[in-house]
Amino acid sequence: MVKQSRALVTRDAIVRGAAEVFRDRGYGLASIADIASAAGMTKGALYFHFASKDELARAVIHEQHQRTMAASAEIVAEGRPALETMVLLSRSLAHQLLEDPVVQAGIRLTTDVSTSAEPVVEPYEDWFRTGEELFRRGIEEGDVAPTVDPAMLGHFLSPAYTGVQLVSETLTGRADLLRRVRELWIVLLPGIVRAERLDALRGLADLVTE
């Protein structure tokens, strides 16, 4: 049991070290030597836990996705209206992108097409599913227009958000990320909200920067 616990601690240290390197250098420029150094161990010790850089990248993506989904589950469990919940999920992910090195690295790896021969699709699919479910519920609650296709909107919002955060990272190092996510909702809400509910719901965009 003690050995197993130590192995988990070591594995976590490697994942954290890998996240720092992948975040700063991307997949292509990161090396096993860099990651071992960041984790405070030898390359041999690292290879005992991970067989390749690809395996390390997938471990970082998995940990990032676990963290973002756990934070999202807590927000969904609060039982707020579906559209408000969706806005709060976008704010939560933005804060993780600003504050959590593992999330920063995982998102960079997920959007880097050179990361692996096999694209990582699970995070996208989970966000598509979450968006579709919430927008469908938003229609049932009377906030989202019944003419909206929940699946289409769920598939649109995730890449739109990805584009916003990538451009924010490129131009300002994500310093303006919360403002840009708020603008995303300012543009989106009039196109998806019931006309008679728009005045009452415009303020949802401001939740991002509160």
N, C-alpha and C. Protein backbone atom coordinates (compact mmCIF):
# COMPACT_ATOMS: atom_id res chain seq x y z
N MET A 1 0.83 -1.20 0.00
CA MET A 1 0.00 0.00 0.00
C MET A 1 0.87 1.26 0.00
N VAL A 2 1.95 1.27 0.80
CA VAL A 2 2.84 2.42 0.86
C VAL A 2 3.51 2.62 -0.49
N LYS A 3 3.96 1.52 -1.11
CA LYS A 3 4.61 1.62 -2.42
C LYS A 3 3.64 2.17 -3.45
N GLN A 4 2.39 1.70 -3.39
CA GLN A 4 1.39 2.18 -4.33
C GLN A 4 1.13 3.67 -4.15
N SER A 5 1.09 4.10 -2.87
CA SER A 5 0.87 5.51 -2.59
C SER A 5 2.03 6.35 -3.11
N ARG A 6 3.25 5.87 -2.91
CA ARG A 6 4.42 6.59 -3.40
C ARG A 6 4.43 6.66 -4.91
N ALA A 7 4.00 5.58 -5.55
CA ALA A 7 3.95 5.55 -7.02
C ALA A 7 2.96 6.57 -7.54
N LEU A 8 1.82 6.72 -6.87
CA LEU A 8 0.82 7.69 -7.28
C LEU A 8 1.34 9.11 -7.11
N VAL A 9 2.04 9.35 -5.99
CA VAL A 9 2.62 10.69 -5.76
C VAL A 9 3.64 11.00 -6.84
N THR A 10 4.48 10.02 -7.17
CA THR A 10 5.49 10.21 -8.21
C THR A 10 4.84 10.46 -9.56
N ARG A 11 3.81 9.69 -9.86
CA ARG A 11 3.11 9.86 -11.13
C ARG A 11 2.49 11.26 -11.21
N ASP A 12 1.88 11.70 -10.12
CA ASP A 12 1.29 13.04 -10.10
C ASP A 12 2.35 14.12 -10.32
N ALA A 13 3.54 13.92 -9.71
CA ALA A 13 4.63 14.89 -9.88
C ALA A 13 5.09 14.94 -11.34
N ILE A 14 5.12 13.78 -11.99
CA ILE A 14 5.51 13.74 -13.40
C ILE A 14 4.48 14.47 -14.25
N VAL A 15 3.21 14.22 -13.99
CA VAL A 15 2.15 14.86 -14.76
C VAL A 15 2.22 16.38 -14.59
N ARG A 16 2.45 16.84 -13.35
CA ARG A 16 2.57 18.28 -13.12
C ARG A 16 3.77 18.86 -13.86
N GLY A 17 4.90 18.15 -13.79
CA GLY A 17 6.09 18.61 -14.50
C GLY A 17 5.87 18.63 -16.01
N ALA A 18 5.23 17.59 -16.52
CA ALA A 18 4.94 17.53 -17.95
C ALA A 18 4.01 18.66 -18.35
N ALA A 19 3.03 18.95 -17.49
CA ALA A 19 2.08 20.03 -17.79
C ALA A 19 2.82 21.36 -17.93
N GLU A 20 3.75 21.63 -17.05
CA GLU A 20 4.49 22.89 -17.11
C GLU A 20 5.27 23.01 -18.42
N VAL A 21 5.89 21.90 -18.83
CA VAL A 21 6.69 21.92 -20.06
C VAL A 21 5.81 22.02 -21.28
N PHE A 22 4.75 21.22 -21.33
CA PHE A 22 3.83 21.27 -22.49
C PHE A 22 3.16 22.64 -22.59
N ARG A 23 2.81 23.21 -21.44
CA ARG A 23 2.18 24.53 -21.44
C ARG A 23 3.11 25.57 -22.04
N ASP A 24 4.38 25.52 -21.67
CA ASP A 24 5.33 26.55 -22.09
C ASP A 24 5.90 26.31 -23.49
N ARG A 25 6.05 25.04 -23.89
CA ARG A 25 6.77 24.75 -25.13
C ARG A 25 5.92 24.04 -26.18
N GLY A 26 4.75 23.56 -25.80
CA GLY A 26 3.97 22.78 -26.73
C GLY A 26 4.51 21.37 -26.86
N TYR A 27 3.79 20.55 -27.57
CA TYR A 27 4.18 19.13 -27.69
C TYR A 27 5.47 18.97 -28.49
N GLY A 28 5.57 19.66 -29.61
CA GLY A 28 6.69 19.45 -30.50
C GLY A 28 8.04 19.79 -29.91
N LEU A 29 8.11 20.85 -29.12
CA LEU A 29 9.39 21.30 -28.56
C LEU A 29 9.69 20.72 -27.19
N ALA A 30 8.72 20.07 -26.59
CA ALA A 30 8.95 19.46 -25.27
C ALA A 30 9.78 18.18 -25.42
N SER A 31 10.69 17.96 -24.48
CA SER A 31 11.50 16.74 -24.50
C SER A 31 11.33 15.99 -23.19
N ILE A 32 11.62 14.70 -23.25
CA ILE A 32 11.55 13.88 -22.04
C ILE A 32 12.54 14.40 -21.00
N ALA A 33 13.69 14.85 -21.44
CA ALA A 33 14.68 15.40 -20.51
C ALA A 33 14.13 16.64 -19.80
N ASP A 34 13.47 17.51 -20.55
CA ASP A 34 12.86 18.71 -19.96
C ASP A 34 11.81 18.32 -18.91
N ILE A 35 10.99 17.35 -19.26
CA ILE A 35 9.90 16.94 -18.37
C ILE A 35 10.46 16.29 -17.11
N ALA A 36 11.47 15.44 -17.28
CA ALA A 36 12.09 14.80 -16.12
C ALA A 36 12.69 15.86 -15.18
N SER A 37 13.33 16.85 -15.76
CA SER A 37 13.92 17.91 -14.95
C SER A 37 12.84 18.69 -14.20
N ALA A 38 11.74 19.02 -14.89
CA ALA A 38 10.64 19.75 -14.25
C ALA A 38 10.01 18.95 -13.14
N ALA A 39 10.00 17.62 -13.30
CA ALA A 39 9.40 16.74 -12.29
C ALA A 39 10.39 16.41 -11.17
N GLY A 40 11.66 16.79 -11.34
CA GLY A 40 12.68 16.53 -10.32
C GLY A 40 13.12 15.10 -10.23
N MET A 41 13.28 14.46 -11.38
CA MET A 41 13.71 13.05 -11.39
C MET A 41 14.51 12.75 -12.65
N THR A 42 15.05 11.55 -12.70
CA THR A 42 15.82 11.14 -13.87
C THR A 42 14.90 10.67 -14.98
N LYS A 43 15.46 10.62 -16.21
CA LYS A 43 14.68 10.10 -17.33
C LYS A 43 14.31 8.64 -17.10
N GLY A 44 15.23 7.89 -16.48
CA GLY A 44 14.95 6.48 -16.20
C GLY A 44 13.76 6.30 -15.28
N ALA A 45 13.70 7.14 -14.24
CA ALA A 45 12.58 7.06 -13.31
C ALA A 45 11.28 7.44 -14.00
N LEU A 46 11.36 8.42 -14.89
CA LEU A 46 10.16 8.84 -15.62
C LEU A 46 9.66 7.72 -16.52
N TYR A 47 10.59 7.06 -17.22
CA TYR A 47 10.20 5.98 -18.14
C TYR A 47 9.60 4.78 -17.40
N PHE A 48 9.86 4.67 -16.10
CA PHE A 48 9.24 3.60 -15.33
C PHE A 48 7.73 3.79 -15.27
N HIS A 49 7.28 5.05 -15.33
CA HIS A 49 5.85 5.35 -15.22
C HIS A 49 5.20 5.64 -16.57
N PHE A 50 5.96 6.22 -17.49
CA PHE A 50 5.40 6.58 -18.79
C PHE A 50 6.36 6.13 -19.89
N ALA A 51 5.84 5.44 -20.88
CA ALA A 51 6.69 4.85 -21.91
C ALA A 51 7.10 5.83 -22.99
N SER A 52 6.39 6.95 -23.13
CA SER A 52 6.67 7.85 -24.24
C SER A 52 6.14 9.25 -23.95
N LYS A 53 6.56 10.19 -24.78
CA LYS A 53 6.04 11.55 -24.67
C LYS A 53 4.55 11.58 -25.00
N ASP A 54 4.15 10.77 -25.96
CA ASP A 54 2.74 10.69 -26.32
C ASP A 54 1.89 10.24 -25.14
N GLU A 55 2.37 9.24 -24.41
CA GLU A 55 1.65 8.75 -23.24
C GLU A 55 1.57 9.82 -22.17
N LEU A 56 2.63 10.60 -22.02
CA LEU A 56 2.63 11.71 -21.06
C LEU A 56 1.61 12.78 -21.46
N ALA A 57 1.58 13.10 -22.73
CA ALA A 57 0.64 14.11 -23.21
C ALA A 57 -0.79 13.67 -22.95
N ARG A 58 -1.07 12.42 -23.19
CA ARG A 58 -2.43 11.92 -22.97
C ARG A 58 -2.76 11.92 -21.48
N ALA A 59 -1.78 11.68 -20.63
CA ALA A 59 -2.02 11.72 -19.18
C ALA A 59 -2.35 13.15 -18.74
N VAL A 60 -1.65 14.12 -19.30
CA VAL A 60 -1.93 15.52 -18.97
C VAL A 60 -3.32 15.91 -19.45
N ILE A 61 -3.67 15.52 -20.67
CA ILE A 61 -5.01 15.82 -21.19
C ILE A 61 -6.08 15.17 -20.33
N HIS A 62 -5.84 13.93 -19.93
CA HIS A 62 -6.81 13.23 -19.08
C HIS A 62 -7.00 13.96 -17.75
N GLU A 63 -5.90 14.37 -17.13
CA GLU A 63 -5.99 15.08 -15.85
C GLU A 63 -6.68 16.42 -16.02
N GLN A 64 -6.36 17.13 -17.09
CA GLN A 64 -7.02 18.40 -17.36
C GLN A 64 -8.51 18.21 -17.52
N HIS A 65 -8.89 17.19 -18.28
CA HIS A 65 -10.32 16.96 -18.54
C HIS A 65 -11.05 16.57 -17.26
N GLN A 66 -10.39 15.80 -16.41
CA GLN A 66 -10.98 15.44 -15.13
C GLN A 66 -11.26 16.69 -14.30
N ARG A 67 -10.31 17.60 -14.30
CA ARG A 67 -10.46 18.83 -13.51
C ARG A 67 -11.57 19.72 -14.06
N THR A 68 -11.63 19.89 -15.36
CA THR A 68 -12.66 20.76 -15.93
C THR A 68 -14.04 20.13 -15.77
N MET A 69 -14.15 18.82 -15.92
CA MET A 69 -15.44 18.16 -15.78
C MET A 69 -15.91 18.17 -14.32
N ALA A 70 -14.97 18.03 -13.38
CA ALA A 70 -15.33 18.07 -11.96
C ALA A 70 -15.87 19.44 -11.58
N ALA A 71 -15.20 20.49 -12.05
CA ALA A 71 -15.67 21.85 -11.78
C ALA A 71 -17.02 22.09 -12.42
N SER A 72 -17.21 21.57 -13.62
CA SER A 72 -18.48 21.72 -14.31
C SER A 72 -19.61 21.00 -13.60
N ALA A 73 -19.32 19.80 -13.10
CA ALA A 73 -20.33 19.02 -12.40
C ALA A 73 -20.82 19.75 -11.15
N GLU A 74 -19.92 20.43 -10.47
CA GLU A 74 -20.31 21.20 -9.28
C GLU A 74 -21.27 22.33 -9.66
N ILE A 75 -21.01 22.99 -10.77
CA ILE A 75 -21.87 24.09 -11.21
C ILE A 75 -23.23 23.56 -11.64
N VAL A 76 -23.24 22.48 -12.39
CA VAL A 76 -24.51 21.89 -12.84
C VAL A 76 -25.34 21.45 -11.64
N ALA A 77 -24.68 20.93 -10.61
CA ALA A 77 -25.39 20.44 -9.43
C ALA A 77 -26.07 21.55 -8.64
N GLU A 78 -25.72 22.80 -8.89
CA GLU A 78 -26.35 23.91 -8.18
C GLU A 78 -27.80 24.12 -8.61
N GLY A 79 -28.18 23.53 -9.74
CA GLY A 79 -29.57 23.57 -10.16
C GLY A 79 -30.05 24.90 -10.71
N ARG A 80 -29.18 25.71 -11.24
CA ARG A 80 -29.59 26.99 -11.83
C ARG A 80 -30.26 26.75 -13.18
N PRO A 81 -30.94 27.75 -13.73
CA PRO A 81 -31.48 27.61 -15.08
C PRO A 81 -30.39 27.21 -16.07
N ALA A 82 -30.76 26.46 -17.08
CA ALA A 82 -29.77 25.85 -17.97
C ALA A 82 -28.90 26.88 -18.69
N LEU A 83 -29.49 27.97 -19.18
CA LEU A 83 -28.70 28.95 -19.91
C LEU A 83 -27.72 29.66 -18.99
N GLU A 84 -28.16 29.98 -17.79
CA GLU A 84 -27.26 30.57 -16.81
C GLU A 84 -26.13 29.60 -16.47
N THR A 85 -26.46 28.33 -16.34
CA THR A 85 -25.46 27.31 -16.05
C THR A 85 -24.40 27.26 -17.15
N MET A 86 -24.83 27.35 -18.41
CA MET A 86 -23.89 27.31 -19.52
C MET A 86 -22.93 28.48 -19.48
N VAL A 87 -23.44 29.66 -19.15
CA VAL A 87 -22.58 30.83 -19.02
C VAL A 87 -21.57 30.65 -17.89
N LEU A 88 -22.04 30.12 -16.77
CA LEU A 88 -21.15 29.90 -15.63
C LEU A 88 -20.10 28.84 -15.93
N LEU A 89 -20.44 27.84 -16.74
CA LEU A 89 -19.45 26.85 -17.14
C LEU A 89 -18.35 27.51 -17.97
N SER A 90 -18.74 28.42 -18.85
CA SER A 90 -17.73 29.10 -19.66
C SER A 90 -16.84 29.98 -18.79
N ARG A 91 -17.41 30.59 -17.76
CA ARG A 91 -16.59 31.38 -16.83
C ARG A 91 -15.64 30.48 -16.05
N SER A 92 -16.13 29.35 -15.59
CA SER A 92 -15.30 28.43 -14.81
C SER A 92 -14.09 27.97 -15.62
N LEU A 93 -14.33 27.58 -16.87
CA LEU A 93 -13.22 27.12 -17.70
C LEU A 93 -12.23 28.26 -17.95
N ALA A 94 -12.75 29.47 -18.12
CA ALA A 94 -11.85 30.61 -18.33
C ALA A 94 -10.94 30.82 -17.12
N HIS A 95 -11.51 30.72 -15.92
CA HIS A 95 -10.69 30.89 -14.72
C HIS A 95 -9.65 29.76 -14.61
N GLN A 96 -10.02 28.55 -14.97
CA GLN A 96 -9.04 27.45 -14.95
C GLN A 96 -7.93 27.70 -15.96
N LEU A 97 -8.28 28.25 -17.11
CA LEU A 97 -7.27 28.56 -18.11
C LEU A 97 -6.33 29.67 -17.65
N LEU A 98 -6.80 30.52 -16.78
CA LEU A 98 -5.98 31.59 -16.25
C LEU A 98 -5.12 31.16 -15.06
N GLU A 99 -5.57 30.13 -14.33
CA GLU A 99 -4.97 29.84 -13.03
C GLU A 99 -4.33 28.46 -12.90
N ASP A 100 -4.73 27.49 -13.69
CA ASP A 100 -4.31 26.10 -13.47
C ASP A 100 -3.36 25.65 -14.58
N PRO A 101 -2.08 25.40 -14.28
CA PRO A 101 -1.12 24.99 -15.30
C PRO A 101 -1.50 23.70 -16.00
N VAL A 102 -2.12 22.77 -15.28
CA VAL A 102 -2.51 21.50 -15.90
C VAL A 102 -3.61 21.74 -16.93
N VAL A 103 -4.57 22.58 -16.60
CA VAL A 103 -5.63 22.89 -17.55
C VAL A 103 -5.05 23.65 -18.75
N GLN A 104 -4.17 24.60 -18.50
CA GLN A 104 -3.53 25.34 -19.59
C GLN A 104 -2.81 24.38 -20.54
N ALA A 105 -2.08 23.42 -19.97
CA ALA A 105 -1.33 22.47 -20.79
C ALA A 105 -2.26 21.54 -21.54
N GLY A 106 -3.27 21.02 -20.85
CA GLY A 106 -4.19 20.08 -21.48
C GLY A 106 -4.93 20.70 -22.65
N ILE A 107 -5.38 21.94 -22.47
CA ILE A 107 -6.08 22.63 -23.56
C ILE A 107 -5.13 22.89 -24.73
N ARG A 108 -3.89 23.27 -24.41
CA ARG A 108 -2.94 23.49 -25.50
C ARG A 108 -2.69 22.20 -26.27
N LEU A 109 -2.54 21.10 -25.56
CA LEU A 109 -2.30 19.82 -26.21
C LEU A 109 -3.52 19.37 -27.03
N THR A 110 -4.69 19.60 -26.51
CA THR A 110 -5.91 19.18 -27.20
C THR A 110 -6.09 19.94 -28.51
N THR A 111 -5.69 21.20 -28.53
CA THR A 111 -5.86 22.02 -29.74
C THR A 111 -4.64 21.97 -30.66
N ASP A 112 -3.61 21.24 -30.26
CA ASP A 112 -2.39 21.11 -31.07
C ASP A 112 -2.50 19.85 -31.92
N VAL A 113 -2.69 20.02 -33.23
CA VAL A 113 -2.91 18.86 -34.10
C VAL A 113 -1.67 17.98 -34.21
N SER A 114 -0.51 18.49 -33.80
CA SER A 114 0.72 17.69 -33.88
C SER A 114 0.94 16.83 -32.64
N THR A 115 0.00 16.89 -31.68
CA THR A 115 0.20 16.18 -30.42
C THR A 115 0.33 14.69 -30.62
N SER A 116 -0.48 14.11 -31.48
CA SER A 116 -0.50 12.66 -31.61
C SER A 116 -1.04 12.29 -32.98
N ALA A 117 -0.68 11.06 -33.41
CA ALA A 117 -1.22 10.56 -34.67
C ALA A 117 -2.72 10.35 -34.57
N GLU A 118 -3.20 10.12 -33.35
CA GLU A 118 -4.64 9.93 -33.11
C GLU A 118 -5.19 11.16 -32.39
N PRO A 119 -6.05 11.93 -33.04
CA PRO A 119 -6.59 13.14 -32.41
C PRO A 119 -7.33 12.81 -31.12
N VAL A 120 -7.25 13.71 -30.16
CA VAL A 120 -7.95 13.54 -28.89
C VAL A 120 -9.34 14.15 -29.04
N VAL A 121 -10.36 13.32 -29.03
CA VAL A 121 -11.71 13.81 -29.31
C VAL A 121 -12.63 13.79 -28.08
N GLU A 122 -12.28 13.03 -27.05
CA GLU A 122 -13.19 12.88 -25.90
C GLU A 122 -13.57 14.21 -25.26
N PRO A 123 -12.62 15.13 -24.99
CA PRO A 123 -13.02 16.40 -24.37
C PRO A 123 -14.03 17.17 -25.22
N TYR A 124 -13.81 17.19 -26.53
CA TYR A 124 -14.76 17.89 -27.40
C TYR A 124 -16.13 17.23 -27.33
N GLU A 125 -16.16 15.91 -27.39
CA GLU A 125 -17.44 15.20 -27.37
C GLU A 125 -18.19 15.44 -26.07
N ASP A 126 -17.46 15.49 -24.95
CA ASP A 126 -18.11 15.74 -23.67
C ASP A 126 -18.71 17.14 -23.62
N TRP A 127 -17.98 18.12 -24.15
CA TRP A 127 -18.51 19.49 -24.17
C TRP A 127 -19.68 19.61 -25.14
N PHE A 128 -19.61 18.92 -26.28
CA PHE A 128 -20.75 18.92 -27.20
C PHE A 128 -21.99 18.39 -26.49
N ARG A 129 -21.81 17.28 -25.78
CA ARG A 129 -22.93 16.64 -25.09
C ARG A 129 -23.48 17.54 -23.99
N THR A 130 -22.58 18.14 -23.23
CA THR A 130 -23.02 19.03 -22.15
C THR A 130 -23.79 20.22 -22.71
N GLY A 131 -23.26 20.83 -23.75
CA GLY A 131 -23.93 21.97 -24.36
C GLY A 131 -25.30 21.59 -24.90
N GLU A 132 -25.36 20.47 -25.61
CA GLU A 132 -26.64 20.04 -26.18
C GLU A 132 -27.68 19.81 -25.08
N GLU A 133 -27.29 19.13 -24.01
CA GLU A 133 -28.22 18.85 -22.92
C GLU A 133 -28.72 20.14 -22.26
N LEU A 134 -27.82 21.08 -22.03
CA LEU A 134 -28.22 22.32 -21.37
C LEU A 134 -29.08 23.20 -22.29
N PHE A 135 -28.74 23.27 -23.55
CA PHE A 135 -29.55 24.08 -24.46
C PHE A 135 -30.93 23.45 -24.68
N ARG A 136 -30.98 22.13 -24.69
CA ARG A 136 -32.28 21.46 -24.79
C ARG A 136 -33.13 21.79 -23.56
N ARG A 137 -32.49 21.78 -22.40
CA ARG A 137 -33.23 22.12 -21.18
C ARG A 137 -33.61 23.60 -21.18
N GLY A 138 -32.75 24.43 -21.76
CA GLY A 138 -33.06 25.85 -21.86
C GLY A 138 -34.32 26.10 -22.68
N ILE A 139 -34.54 25.30 -23.71
CA ILE A 139 -35.76 25.40 -24.50
C ILE A 139 -36.96 25.01 -23.64
N GLU A 140 -36.82 23.92 -22.90
CA GLU A 140 -37.91 23.45 -22.04
C GLU A 140 -38.25 24.48 -20.97
N GLU A 141 -37.24 25.22 -20.49
CA GLU A 141 -37.46 26.22 -19.45
C GLU A 141 -38.00 27.53 -20.00
N GLY A 142 -38.03 27.66 -21.32
CA GLY A 142 -38.59 28.86 -21.93
C GLY A 142 -37.61 29.99 -22.15
N ASP A 143 -36.32 29.76 -21.95
CA ASP A 143 -35.32 30.81 -22.17
C ASP A 143 -34.74 30.75 -23.58
N VAL A 144 -34.45 29.57 -24.07
CA VAL A 144 -33.88 29.41 -25.40
C VAL A 144 -35.02 29.24 -26.41
N ALA A 145 -34.88 29.89 -27.55
CA ALA A 145 -35.91 29.84 -28.58
C ALA A 145 -36.13 28.42 -29.07
N PRO A 146 -37.38 28.01 -29.28
CA PRO A 146 -37.66 26.64 -29.73
C PRO A 146 -37.16 26.35 -31.14
N THR A 147 -36.81 27.41 -31.89
CA THR A 147 -36.28 27.22 -33.24
C THR A 147 -34.80 26.82 -33.23
N VAL A 148 -34.17 26.91 -32.08
CA VAL A 148 -32.74 26.57 -31.97
C VAL A 148 -32.57 25.06 -31.98
N ASP A 149 -31.58 24.60 -32.71
CA ASP A 149 -31.21 23.18 -32.71
C ASP A 149 -30.17 22.98 -31.60
N PRO A 150 -30.51 22.30 -30.50
CA PRO A 150 -29.57 22.16 -29.37
C PRO A 150 -28.26 21.49 -29.75
N ALA A 151 -28.34 20.47 -30.60
CA ALA A 151 -27.11 19.77 -31.00
C ALA A 151 -26.21 20.68 -31.83
N MET A 152 -26.82 21.41 -32.75
CA MET A 152 -26.03 22.32 -33.58
C MET A 152 -25.39 23.41 -32.73
N LEU A 153 -26.17 23.96 -31.80
CA LEU A 153 -25.64 25.02 -30.94
C LEU A 153 -24.53 24.50 -30.04
N GLY A 154 -24.71 23.27 -29.49
CA GLY A 154 -23.67 22.67 -28.67
C GLY A 154 -22.38 22.47 -29.45
N HIS A 155 -22.51 22.06 -30.71
CA HIS A 155 -21.33 21.86 -31.55
C HIS A 155 -20.71 23.18 -31.98
N PHE A 156 -21.51 24.24 -32.04
CA PHE A 156 -20.98 25.55 -32.42
C PHE A 156 -20.23 26.20 -31.27
N LEU A 157 -20.81 26.14 -30.06
CA LEU A 157 -20.26 26.90 -28.95
C LEU A 157 -18.86 26.45 -28.57
N SER A 158 -18.61 25.15 -28.56
CA SER A 158 -17.31 24.65 -28.14
C SER A 158 -16.17 25.15 -29.04
N PRO A 159 -16.27 25.01 -30.37
CA PRO A 159 -15.19 25.56 -31.20
C PRO A 159 -15.14 27.08 -31.18
N ALA A 160 -16.29 27.74 -31.01
CA ALA A 160 -16.28 29.19 -30.90
C ALA A 160 -15.49 29.62 -29.66
N TYR A 161 -15.73 28.95 -28.55
CA TYR A 161 -15.01 29.23 -27.31
C TYR A 161 -13.52 28.94 -27.49
N THR A 162 -13.22 27.82 -28.16
CA THR A 162 -11.82 27.47 -28.41
C THR A 162 -11.12 28.56 -29.20
N GLY A 163 -11.79 29.08 -30.22
CA GLY A 163 -11.20 30.15 -31.00
C GLY A 163 -10.97 31.40 -30.18
N VAL A 164 -11.94 31.75 -29.34
CA VAL A 164 -11.81 32.94 -28.50
C VAL A 164 -10.61 32.82 -27.57
N GLN A 165 -10.47 31.66 -26.92
CA GLN A 165 -9.37 31.54 -25.96
C GLN A 165 -8.01 31.45 -26.66
N LEU A 166 -7.97 30.85 -27.86
CA LEU A 166 -6.71 30.77 -28.59
C LEU A 166 -6.25 32.15 -29.04
N VAL A 167 -7.18 32.95 -29.55
CA VAL A 167 -6.81 34.30 -29.99
C VAL A 167 -6.42 35.15 -28.78
N SER A 168 -7.15 34.99 -27.67
CA SER A 168 -6.80 35.72 -26.45
C SER A 168 -5.40 35.36 -25.98
N GLU A 169 -5.08 34.06 -26.04
CA GLU A 169 -3.74 33.63 -25.64
C GLU A 169 -2.67 34.23 -26.55
N THR A 170 -2.94 34.22 -27.85
CA THR A 170 -1.97 34.72 -28.81
C THR A 170 -1.73 36.22 -28.67
N LEU A 171 -2.79 36.97 -28.48
CA LEU A 171 -2.67 38.43 -28.48
C LEU A 171 -2.30 39.02 -27.13
N THR A 172 -2.80 38.42 -26.05
CA THR A 172 -2.60 39.04 -24.73
C THR A 172 -2.14 38.07 -23.65
N GLY A 173 -1.79 36.83 -24.02
CA GLY A 173 -1.45 35.85 -23.00
C GLY A 173 -2.65 35.55 -22.10
N ARG A 174 -3.84 35.67 -22.67
CA ARG A 174 -5.15 35.45 -22.01
C ARG A 174 -5.49 36.55 -20.99
N ALA A 175 -4.79 37.65 -21.01
CA ALA A 175 -5.10 38.73 -20.06
C ALA A 175 -6.52 39.26 -20.27
N ASP A 176 -7.03 39.18 -21.50
CA ASP A 176 -8.37 39.69 -21.78
C ASP A 176 -9.39 38.56 -21.95
N LEU A 177 -9.07 37.36 -21.48
CA LEU A 177 -9.92 36.20 -21.76
C LEU A 177 -11.34 36.37 -21.23
N LEU A 178 -11.49 36.81 -19.99
CA LEU A 178 -12.84 36.95 -19.42
C LEU A 178 -13.65 37.96 -20.22
N ARG A 179 -13.02 39.05 -20.62
CA ARG A 179 -13.73 40.05 -21.42
C ARG A 179 -14.16 39.48 -22.76
N ARG A 180 -13.30 38.68 -23.37
CA ARG A 180 -13.62 38.10 -24.68
C ARG A 180 -14.72 37.04 -24.57
N VAL A 181 -14.73 36.28 -23.49
CA VAL A 181 -15.79 35.29 -23.31
C VAL A 181 -17.12 36.01 -23.07
N ARG A 182 -17.08 37.11 -22.32
CA ARG A 182 -18.30 37.90 -22.13
C ARG A 182 -18.81 38.40 -23.47
N GLU A 183 -17.93 38.87 -24.33
CA GLU A 183 -18.34 39.36 -25.65
C GLU A 183 -18.94 38.23 -26.49
N LEU A 184 -18.41 37.03 -26.34
CA LEU A 184 -18.98 35.88 -27.05
C LEU A 184 -20.46 35.72 -26.72
N TRP A 185 -20.78 35.83 -25.43
CA TRP A 185 -22.17 35.69 -25.00
C TRP A 185 -23.02 36.88 -25.41
N ILE A 186 -22.44 38.08 -25.40
CA ILE A 186 -23.18 39.26 -25.85
C ILE A 186 -23.63 39.09 -27.30
N VAL A 187 -22.76 38.54 -28.11
CA VAL A 187 -23.09 38.31 -29.52
C VAL A 187 -24.07 37.14 -29.67
N LEU A 188 -23.88 36.10 -28.88
CA LEU A 188 -24.66 34.86 -29.05
C LEU A 188 -26.08 34.96 -28.52
N LEU A 189 -26.26 35.57 -27.37
CA LEU A 189 -27.57 35.54 -26.70
C LEU A 189 -28.73 36.04 -27.57
N PRO A 190 -28.61 37.16 -28.28
CA PRO A 190 -29.75 37.61 -29.09
C PRO A 190 -30.18 36.62 -30.16
N GLY A 191 -29.28 35.76 -30.58
CA GLY A 191 -29.62 34.79 -31.62
C GLY A 191 -30.24 33.51 -31.11
N ILE A 192 -30.18 33.27 -29.80
CA ILE A 192 -30.68 31.99 -29.29
C ILE A 192 -31.78 32.13 -28.24
N VAL A 193 -31.95 33.31 -27.68
CA VAL A 193 -32.92 33.51 -26.60
C VAL A 193 -34.29 33.87 -27.19
N ARG A 194 -35.35 33.42 -26.56
CA ARG A 194 -36.71 33.83 -26.94
C ARG A 194 -36.79 35.35 -26.92
N ALA A 195 -37.43 35.92 -27.92
CA ALA A 195 -37.49 37.39 -28.04
C ALA A 195 -38.05 38.03 -26.78
N GLU A 196 -39.09 37.42 -26.21
CA GLU A 196 -39.73 38.01 -25.03
C GLU A 196 -38.90 37.86 -23.77
N ARG A 197 -37.83 37.06 -23.82
CA ARG A 197 -36.97 36.85 -22.66
C ARG A 197 -35.63 37.58 -22.78
N LEU A 198 -35.37 38.19 -23.94
CA LEU A 198 -34.04 38.74 -24.20
C LEU A 198 -33.67 39.86 -23.23
N ASP A 199 -34.57 40.80 -22.99
CA ASP A 199 -34.24 41.90 -22.07
C ASP A 199 -33.87 41.38 -20.69
N ALA A 200 -34.57 40.35 -20.23
CA ALA A 200 -34.32 39.80 -18.90
C ALA A 200 -33.01 39.02 -18.84
N LEU A 201 -32.56 38.50 -19.99
CA LEU A 201 -31.41 37.58 -19.98
C LEU A 201 -30.13 38.19 -20.55
N ARG A 202 -30.19 39.41 -21.07
CA ARG A 202 -28.97 40.01 -21.60
C ARG A 202 -27.86 40.06 -20.55
N GLY A 203 -28.25 40.27 -19.31
CA GLY A 203 -27.27 40.41 -18.24
C GLY A 203 -26.50 39.15 -17.92
N LEU A 204 -26.91 38.02 -18.48
CA LEU A 204 -26.18 36.77 -18.23
C LEU A 204 -24.72 36.90 -18.66
N ALA A 205 -24.47 37.63 -19.74
CA ALA A 205 -23.09 37.79 -20.22
C ALA A 205 -22.20 38.42 -19.16
N ASP A 206 -22.79 39.28 -18.33
CA ASP A 206 -21.98 39.97 -17.31
C ASP A 206 -21.51 39.03 -16.20
N LEU A 207 -22.15 37.85 -16.10
CA LEU A 207 -21.72 36.88 -15.08
C LEU A 207 -20.28 36.44 -15.31
N VAL A 208 -19.83 36.49 -16.55
CA VAL A 208 -18.48 36.03 -16.87
C VAL A 208 -17.43 36.86 -16.16
N THR A 209 -17.67 38.16 -16.06
CA THR A 209 -16.65 39.05 -15.49
C THR A 209 -16.97 39.47 -14.06
N GLU A 210 -18.02 38.94 -13.47
CA GLU A 210 -18.33 39.28 -12.06
C GLU A 210 -17.39 38.57 -11.12
